Structure formats: C-alpha cells, structure tokens
Amino acid sequence: PHRRGQLPAVRAVVDFLAERLAE
C-alpha cells in the first residue's frame, strides 16, 4: 500500500464533494 493518510484532508474534501455531486 502506498503512503496511506499522507493527505487526510483530501479524503475529507473528496467525501464532501461526493455528497455534493450525489445530491
């Protein structure tokens, strides 16, 4: 596995955008 959690903030942003797009 590649460097996990190198940018946890990105995960939060992606999750946020995913919900916005899914709306």
C-alpha atoms as a PDB file:
ATOM      1  CA  PRO A   1       0.000   0.000   0.000  1.00  0.00           C
ATOM      2  CA  HIS A   2       1.198   3.474  -0.819  1.00  0.00           C
ATOM      3  CA  ARG A   3       1.688   6.118   1.840  1.00  0.00           C
ATOM      4  CA  ARG A   4      -1.704   5.966   3.498  1.00  0.00           C
ATOM      5  CA  GLY A   5      -3.031   9.093   5.160  1.00  0.00           C
ATOM      6  CA  GLN A   6      -0.436  11.340   3.574  1.00  0.00           C
ATOM      7  CA  LEU A   7      -3.229  13.845   2.938  1.00  0.00           C
ATOM      8  CA  PRO A   8      -6.217  13.063   5.160  1.00  0.00           C
ATOM      9  CA  ALA A   9      -7.640  16.467   4.279  1.00  0.00           C
ATOM     10  CA  VAL A  10      -8.042  15.326   0.680  1.00  0.00           C
ATOM     11  CA  ARG A  11     -10.204  12.431   1.823  1.00  0.00           C
ATOM     12  CA  ALA A  12     -12.476  14.862   3.647  1.00  0.00           C
ATOM     13  CA  VAL A  13     -12.723  17.096   0.582  1.00  0.00           C
ATOM     14  CA  VAL A  14     -13.441  14.177  -1.727  1.00  0.00           C
ATOM     15  CA  ASP A  15     -16.111  12.906   0.627  1.00  0.00           C
ATOM     16  CA  PHE A  16     -17.638  16.381   0.772  1.00  0.00           C
ATOM     17  CA  LEU A  17     -17.608  16.790  -2.995  1.00  0.00           C
ATOM     18  CA  ALA A  18     -19.001  13.299  -3.455  1.00  0.00           C
ATOM     19  CA  GLU A  19     -22.026  14.175  -1.354  1.00  0.00           C
ATOM     20  CA  ARG A  20     -22.495  17.457  -3.208  1.00  0.00           C
ATOM     21  CA  LEU A  21     -22.358  15.718  -6.577  1.00  0.00           C
ATOM     22  CA  ALA A  22     -24.612  12.915  -5.380  1.00  0.00           C
ATOM     23  CA  GLU A  23     -27.221  15.449  -4.314  1.00  0.00           C
END
